[in-house]
N, C-alpha and C. Protein backbone atom coordinates (compact mmCIF):
# COMPACT_ATOMS: atom_id res chain seq x y z
N MET A 1 49.51 104.73 258.48
CA MET A 1 49.42 103.32 258.80
C MET A 1 48.90 102.57 257.56
N VAL A 2 49.73 101.82 256.88
CA VAL A 2 49.39 101.17 255.62
C VAL A 2 48.38 100.05 255.80
N GLY A 3 48.45 99.26 256.86
CA GLY A 3 47.59 98.10 257.03
C GLY A 3 46.16 98.43 257.41
N HIS A 4 45.92 99.60 257.96
CA HIS A 4 44.57 100.00 258.38
C HIS A 4 43.69 100.16 257.15
N PRO A 5 42.45 99.59 257.15
CA PRO A 5 41.60 99.60 255.96
C PRO A 5 41.37 100.99 255.37
N GLU A 6 41.25 102.03 256.20
CA GLU A 6 40.99 103.37 255.69
C GLU A 6 42.24 104.02 255.10
N ASN A 7 43.42 103.49 255.40
CA ASN A 7 44.66 104.10 254.95
C ASN A 7 45.48 103.21 254.04
N ARG A 8 44.86 102.24 253.40
CA ARG A 8 45.61 101.33 252.53
C ARG A 8 46.08 102.06 251.30
N LEU A 9 47.32 101.78 250.93
CA LEU A 9 47.92 102.42 249.77
C LEU A 9 48.26 101.39 248.70
N CYS A 10 48.21 101.82 247.47
CA CYS A 10 48.59 100.96 246.35
C CYS A 10 50.09 100.72 246.41
N PRO A 11 50.53 99.47 246.41
CA PRO A 11 51.97 99.20 246.46
C PRO A 11 52.68 99.59 245.16
N GLY A 12 51.92 99.76 244.08
CA GLY A 12 52.52 100.12 242.80
C GLY A 12 52.88 101.59 242.69
N CYS A 13 51.94 102.47 243.14
CA CYS A 13 52.16 103.90 242.95
C CYS A 13 52.03 104.72 244.23
N GLY A 14 51.50 104.13 245.29
CA GLY A 14 51.36 104.82 246.55
C GLY A 14 50.06 105.59 246.73
N LYS A 15 49.16 105.54 245.73
CA LYS A 15 47.88 106.22 245.86
C LYS A 15 47.03 105.53 246.92
N LYS A 16 46.15 106.31 247.56
CA LYS A 16 45.21 105.75 248.52
C LYS A 16 44.19 104.91 247.76
N LEU A 17 43.92 103.70 248.26
CA LEU A 17 42.96 102.82 247.62
C LEU A 17 41.55 103.24 248.01
N ALA A 18 40.69 103.38 247.01
CA ALA A 18 39.33 103.85 247.23
C ALA A 18 38.45 102.77 247.86
N ARG A 19 38.74 101.51 247.57
CA ARG A 19 37.92 100.42 248.08
C ARG A 19 38.76 99.46 248.92
N ARG A 20 38.14 98.92 249.94
CA ARG A 20 38.84 98.00 250.85
C ARG A 20 39.23 96.69 250.17
N ASP A 21 38.44 96.25 249.20
CA ASP A 21 38.67 94.94 248.58
C ASP A 21 39.70 94.99 247.46
N ARG A 22 40.35 96.10 247.24
CA ARG A 22 41.34 96.23 246.17
C ARG A 22 42.75 96.15 246.73
N ARG A 23 43.63 95.53 245.96
CA ARG A 23 45.04 95.46 246.35
C ARG A 23 45.85 96.51 245.61
N LEU A 24 45.38 96.85 244.41
CA LEU A 24 46.06 97.85 243.58
C LEU A 24 45.03 98.88 243.14
N CYS A 25 45.50 100.09 242.78
CA CYS A 25 44.60 101.09 242.23
C CYS A 25 44.22 100.68 240.80
N ALA A 26 43.24 101.35 240.24
CA ALA A 26 42.76 100.99 238.90
C ALA A 26 43.87 101.08 237.86
N GLU A 27 44.69 102.09 237.95
CA GLU A 27 45.79 102.26 236.98
C GLU A 27 46.80 101.12 237.05
N CYS A 28 47.21 100.78 238.25
CA CYS A 28 48.23 99.74 238.42
C CYS A 28 47.68 98.33 238.18
N SER A 29 46.38 98.15 238.33
CA SER A 29 45.82 96.82 238.16
C SER A 29 45.66 96.43 236.69
N LEU A 30 45.57 97.39 235.78
CA LEU A 30 45.38 97.06 234.37
C LEU A 30 46.46 96.16 233.79
N PRO A 31 47.75 96.50 233.92
CA PRO A 31 48.76 95.60 233.34
C PRO A 31 48.78 94.23 234.01
N VAL A 32 48.51 94.18 235.30
CA VAL A 32 48.48 92.90 236.01
C VAL A 32 47.32 92.04 235.50
N THR A 33 46.16 92.66 235.32
CA THR A 33 44.99 91.95 234.81
C THR A 33 45.24 91.43 233.41
N ARG A 34 45.80 92.26 232.55
CA ARG A 34 46.12 91.84 231.18
C ARG A 34 47.06 90.65 231.17
N LYS A 35 48.10 90.72 232.02
CA LYS A 35 49.08 89.64 232.09
C LYS A 35 48.40 88.34 232.55
N ASN A 36 47.53 88.43 233.56
CA ASN A 36 46.84 87.24 234.07
C ASN A 36 45.93 86.64 233.01
N PHE A 37 45.20 87.48 232.28
CA PHE A 37 44.33 86.97 231.21
C PHE A 37 45.15 86.29 230.12
N ASP A 38 46.26 86.91 229.74
CA ASP A 38 47.12 86.31 228.71
C ASP A 38 47.64 84.95 229.15
N GLU A 39 48.09 84.85 230.40
CA GLU A 39 48.58 83.57 230.92
C GLU A 39 47.47 82.53 230.96
N GLY A 40 46.26 82.96 231.33
CA GLY A 40 45.12 82.03 231.38
C GLY A 40 44.77 81.51 229.99
N ARG A 41 44.80 82.41 229.01
CA ARG A 41 44.49 81.99 227.63
C ARG A 41 45.53 80.99 227.13
N LYS A 42 46.80 81.26 227.43
CA LYS A 42 47.86 80.33 227.01
C LYS A 42 47.68 78.97 227.67
N ALA A 43 47.36 78.98 228.95
CA ALA A 43 47.18 77.72 229.68
C ALA A 43 45.99 76.93 229.10
N ALA A 44 44.93 77.63 228.72
CA ALA A 44 43.74 76.97 228.19
C ALA A 44 44.03 76.24 226.88
N HIS A 45 45.09 76.62 226.19
CA HIS A 45 45.43 75.98 224.92
C HIS A 45 46.51 74.91 225.04
N ARG A 46 46.89 74.61 226.27
CA ARG A 46 47.86 73.54 226.45
C ARG A 46 47.17 72.21 226.19
N PRO A 47 47.91 71.23 225.66
CA PRO A 47 47.31 69.95 225.27
C PRO A 47 46.49 69.27 226.36
N GLU A 48 46.97 69.29 227.59
CA GLU A 48 46.23 68.59 228.66
C GLU A 48 44.88 69.25 228.94
N PHE A 49 44.80 70.57 228.79
CA PHE A 49 43.54 71.25 229.04
C PHE A 49 42.59 71.14 227.84
N LEU A 50 43.15 71.12 226.64
CA LEU A 50 42.34 70.86 225.45
C LEU A 50 41.72 69.46 225.52
N ALA A 51 42.52 68.50 225.97
CA ALA A 51 42.03 67.12 226.09
C ALA A 51 40.93 67.03 227.15
N LYS A 52 41.12 67.72 228.26
CA LYS A 52 40.12 67.71 229.33
C LYS A 52 38.81 68.33 228.83
N ARG A 53 38.90 69.46 228.14
CA ARG A 53 37.70 70.11 227.61
C ARG A 53 37.01 69.23 226.58
N SER A 54 37.79 68.57 225.75
CA SER A 54 37.23 67.66 224.75
C SER A 54 36.49 66.51 225.41
N ALA A 55 37.07 65.94 226.45
CA ALA A 55 36.44 64.83 227.15
C ALA A 55 35.12 65.27 227.79
N THR A 56 35.11 66.47 228.35
CA THR A 56 33.89 67.00 228.96
C THR A 56 32.80 67.18 227.91
N GLN A 57 33.16 67.74 226.77
CA GLN A 57 32.18 67.95 225.70
C GLN A 57 31.63 66.61 225.19
N LYS A 58 32.52 65.63 225.03
CA LYS A 58 32.06 64.31 224.59
C LYS A 58 31.09 63.70 225.59
N SER A 59 31.40 63.85 226.86
CA SER A 59 30.56 63.31 227.92
C SER A 59 29.17 63.96 227.89
N HIS A 60 29.13 65.29 227.74
CA HIS A 60 27.85 65.99 227.70
C HIS A 60 27.05 65.60 226.46
N LYS A 61 27.72 65.47 225.32
CA LYS A 61 27.02 65.07 224.09
C LYS A 61 26.45 63.66 224.22
N GLN A 62 27.21 62.77 224.84
CA GLN A 62 26.74 61.40 225.06
C GLN A 62 25.52 61.40 225.98
N ALA A 63 25.56 62.21 227.02
CA ALA A 63 24.43 62.29 227.95
C ALA A 63 23.18 62.80 227.24
N ILE A 64 23.35 63.75 226.32
CA ILE A 64 22.20 64.26 225.55
C ILE A 64 21.65 63.16 224.64
N ARG A 65 22.55 62.41 223.99
CA ARG A 65 22.09 61.31 223.13
C ARG A 65 21.35 60.24 223.91
N ASN A 66 21.81 59.97 225.13
CA ASN A 66 21.20 58.91 225.95
C ASN A 66 19.92 59.36 226.66
N TRP A 67 19.68 60.66 226.68
CA TRP A 67 18.51 61.18 227.40
C TRP A 67 17.24 60.90 226.62
N ASN A 68 16.22 60.47 227.33
CA ASN A 68 14.93 60.17 226.72
C ASN A 68 13.93 61.23 227.18
N PRO A 69 13.38 62.03 226.27
CA PRO A 69 12.43 63.08 226.66
C PRO A 69 11.23 62.55 227.45
N SER A 70 10.88 61.30 227.25
CA SER A 70 9.73 60.75 227.99
C SER A 70 10.06 60.55 229.48
N ASP A 71 11.34 60.64 229.85
CA ASP A 71 11.72 60.53 231.26
C ASP A 71 11.32 61.78 232.05
N LEU A 72 11.06 62.88 231.34
CA LEU A 72 10.69 64.13 231.99
C LEU A 72 9.21 64.07 232.40
N PRO A 73 8.89 64.41 233.64
CA PRO A 73 7.48 64.39 234.05
C PRO A 73 6.65 65.33 233.17
N ALA A 74 5.40 64.97 232.92
CA ALA A 74 4.54 65.75 232.03
C ALA A 74 4.33 67.18 232.54
N TRP A 75 4.33 67.38 233.85
CA TRP A 75 4.09 68.70 234.41
C TRP A 75 5.28 69.65 234.23
N LEU A 76 6.48 69.08 233.99
CA LEU A 76 7.69 69.89 233.92
C LEU A 76 7.96 70.35 232.48
N THR A 77 7.26 71.40 232.09
CA THR A 77 7.41 71.96 230.75
C THR A 77 8.43 73.09 230.80
N ARG A 78 8.78 73.60 229.64
CA ARG A 78 9.70 74.74 229.57
C ARG A 78 9.12 75.94 230.33
N GLU A 79 7.82 76.16 230.17
CA GLU A 79 7.17 77.28 230.85
C GLU A 79 7.27 77.14 232.37
N VAL A 80 7.02 75.94 232.88
CA VAL A 80 7.13 75.70 234.33
C VAL A 80 8.57 75.90 234.78
N PHE A 81 9.51 75.41 233.97
CA PHE A 81 10.92 75.58 234.35
C PHE A 81 11.27 77.07 234.45
N VAL A 82 10.91 77.83 233.43
CA VAL A 82 11.28 79.25 233.38
C VAL A 82 10.55 80.09 234.43
N THR A 83 9.30 79.76 234.71
CA THR A 83 8.51 80.60 235.63
C THR A 83 8.59 80.16 237.09
N GLU A 84 8.86 78.87 237.34
CA GLU A 84 8.87 78.39 238.72
C GLU A 84 10.23 77.89 239.20
N VAL A 85 10.88 77.09 238.37
CA VAL A 85 12.14 76.49 238.81
C VAL A 85 13.28 77.51 238.77
N GLN A 86 13.47 78.14 237.63
CA GLN A 86 14.61 79.04 237.48
C GLN A 86 14.60 80.18 238.51
N PRO A 87 13.47 80.85 238.77
CA PRO A 87 13.49 81.89 239.81
C PRO A 87 13.86 81.34 241.18
N GLY A 88 13.47 80.09 241.48
CA GLY A 88 13.81 79.48 242.76
C GLY A 88 15.29 79.17 242.92
N LEU A 89 15.99 79.08 241.80
CA LEU A 89 17.43 78.76 241.85
C LEU A 89 18.26 79.88 242.44
N THR A 90 17.72 81.10 242.49
CA THR A 90 18.49 82.21 243.07
C THR A 90 18.76 81.98 244.55
N ARG A 91 17.98 81.12 245.19
CA ARG A 91 18.17 80.81 246.61
C ARG A 91 19.05 79.58 246.84
N VAL A 92 19.50 78.97 245.76
CA VAL A 92 20.32 77.75 245.84
C VAL A 92 21.78 78.14 245.57
N PRO A 93 22.72 77.70 246.38
CA PRO A 93 24.13 78.02 246.12
C PRO A 93 24.59 77.50 244.76
N LYS A 94 25.39 78.32 244.07
CA LYS A 94 25.91 77.91 242.76
C LYS A 94 26.66 76.60 242.85
N SER A 95 27.33 76.38 243.96
CA SER A 95 28.10 75.14 244.11
C SER A 95 27.18 73.92 244.03
N LYS A 96 25.95 74.03 244.55
CA LYS A 96 25.01 72.91 244.47
C LYS A 96 24.55 72.68 243.04
N VAL A 97 24.27 73.78 242.33
CA VAL A 97 23.85 73.67 240.93
C VAL A 97 24.97 73.02 240.13
N ARG A 98 26.21 73.49 240.33
CA ARG A 98 27.37 72.92 239.62
C ARG A 98 27.51 71.44 239.92
N ALA A 99 27.39 71.07 241.18
CA ALA A 99 27.59 69.68 241.57
C ALA A 99 26.51 68.76 240.99
N VAL A 100 25.27 69.21 241.03
CA VAL A 100 24.16 68.38 240.54
C VAL A 100 24.24 68.20 239.02
N LEU A 101 24.60 69.27 238.31
CA LEU A 101 24.62 69.20 236.85
C LEU A 101 25.98 68.86 236.26
N CYS A 102 27.04 68.93 237.05
CA CYS A 102 28.41 68.74 236.56
C CYS A 102 28.72 69.75 235.45
N VAL A 103 28.50 71.03 235.76
CA VAL A 103 28.76 72.10 234.80
C VAL A 103 29.71 73.12 235.42
N SER A 104 30.15 74.06 234.63
CA SER A 104 31.09 75.08 235.09
C SER A 104 30.40 76.14 235.94
N GLU A 105 31.20 76.90 236.66
CA GLU A 105 30.67 77.98 237.50
C GLU A 105 29.99 79.05 236.65
N PRO A 106 30.60 79.50 235.55
CA PRO A 106 29.91 80.52 234.75
C PRO A 106 28.57 80.03 234.19
N TYR A 107 28.52 78.78 233.76
CA TYR A 107 27.28 78.23 233.22
C TYR A 107 26.22 78.14 234.31
N SER A 108 26.60 77.70 235.50
CA SER A 108 25.63 77.62 236.60
C SER A 108 25.13 79.01 236.98
N ALA A 109 26.01 80.01 236.92
CA ALA A 109 25.59 81.39 237.21
C ALA A 109 24.61 81.89 236.15
N ASP A 110 24.85 81.55 234.89
CA ASP A 110 23.93 81.95 233.81
C ASP A 110 22.57 81.28 233.96
N ILE A 111 22.56 80.04 234.41
CA ILE A 111 21.29 79.33 234.64
C ILE A 111 20.53 80.02 235.77
N GLN A 112 21.22 80.31 236.87
CA GLN A 112 20.57 80.95 238.01
C GLN A 112 20.03 82.33 237.67
N SER A 113 20.76 83.09 236.88
CA SER A 113 20.33 84.45 236.56
C SER A 113 19.26 84.49 235.48
N GLY A 114 19.00 83.37 234.84
CA GLY A 114 18.00 83.33 233.78
C GLY A 114 18.55 83.67 232.41
N LYS A 115 19.87 83.86 232.31
CA LYS A 115 20.48 84.16 231.01
C LYS A 115 20.43 82.94 230.09
N ARG A 116 20.43 81.75 230.70
CA ARG A 116 20.41 80.52 229.91
C ARG A 116 19.42 79.54 230.51
N VAL A 117 18.77 78.81 229.63
CA VAL A 117 17.90 77.70 230.05
C VAL A 117 18.69 76.43 229.74
N PRO A 118 18.96 75.61 230.75
CA PRO A 118 19.74 74.40 230.50
C PRO A 118 18.96 73.39 229.67
N HIS A 119 19.65 72.39 229.20
CA HIS A 119 19.01 71.30 228.46
C HIS A 119 17.93 70.68 229.36
N ALA A 120 16.87 70.25 228.74
CA ALA A 120 15.73 69.69 229.48
C ALA A 120 16.10 68.50 230.35
N ARG A 121 17.20 67.81 230.02
CA ARG A 121 17.59 66.66 230.85
C ARG A 121 17.98 67.10 232.26
N HIS A 122 18.26 68.39 232.46
CA HIS A 122 18.64 68.91 233.78
C HIS A 122 17.45 69.45 234.58
N TRP A 123 16.31 69.64 233.95
CA TRP A 123 15.19 70.32 234.60
C TRP A 123 14.71 69.62 235.86
N GLN A 124 14.61 68.29 235.82
CA GLN A 124 14.08 67.56 236.97
C GLN A 124 15.00 67.69 238.18
N ALA A 125 16.30 67.58 237.97
CA ALA A 125 17.25 67.72 239.07
C ALA A 125 17.20 69.13 239.66
N LEU A 126 17.05 70.12 238.80
CA LEU A 126 16.97 71.50 239.29
C LEU A 126 15.63 71.76 239.99
N ALA A 127 14.57 71.14 239.51
CA ALA A 127 13.27 71.27 240.19
C ALA A 127 13.36 70.71 241.61
N ARG A 128 14.06 69.60 241.77
CA ARG A 128 14.25 69.01 243.09
C ARG A 128 15.03 69.96 244.01
N LEU A 129 16.04 70.62 243.45
CA LEU A 129 16.84 71.56 244.24
C LEU A 129 16.00 72.69 244.82
N VAL A 130 14.97 73.11 244.09
CA VAL A 130 14.14 74.22 244.58
C VAL A 130 12.90 73.72 245.32
N GLY A 131 12.77 72.40 245.47
CA GLY A 131 11.69 71.85 246.27
C GLY A 131 10.46 71.42 245.49
N LEU A 132 10.53 71.40 244.18
CA LEU A 132 9.40 70.90 243.37
C LEU A 132 9.62 69.43 243.09
N GLN A 133 8.63 68.62 243.39
CA GLN A 133 8.76 67.18 243.20
C GLN A 133 7.71 66.68 242.22
N ASP A 134 7.87 65.43 241.79
CA ASP A 134 6.89 64.80 240.88
C ASP A 134 5.53 64.72 241.52
């Protein structure tokens, strides 16, 4: 029975799939993955996507130029952000972080995991998300 989760077979070679969440076995998925990555890279270099990325970068740079460090509350230091705010972000959905900061999914994931500390202009909004107020 092919449709049953325990008996799912790879449509490429007929091997039994080891995991329920896989559509292809590891061997058959490699060429498909490579093809998808290649197509994604080509699409990223199309003029309309280059223009969109450029506009986003300009917008972020303008926001940094317009940001005034004195707008940040005195209590919200880098140390407070890293020790109190960032750990609290693990309980906040990435979609909320993305929406509040207008950033990409990978960047929001890096912020949540502590791999990256966002620009200080974002700290207050993120502090609010985790329940820290002025």
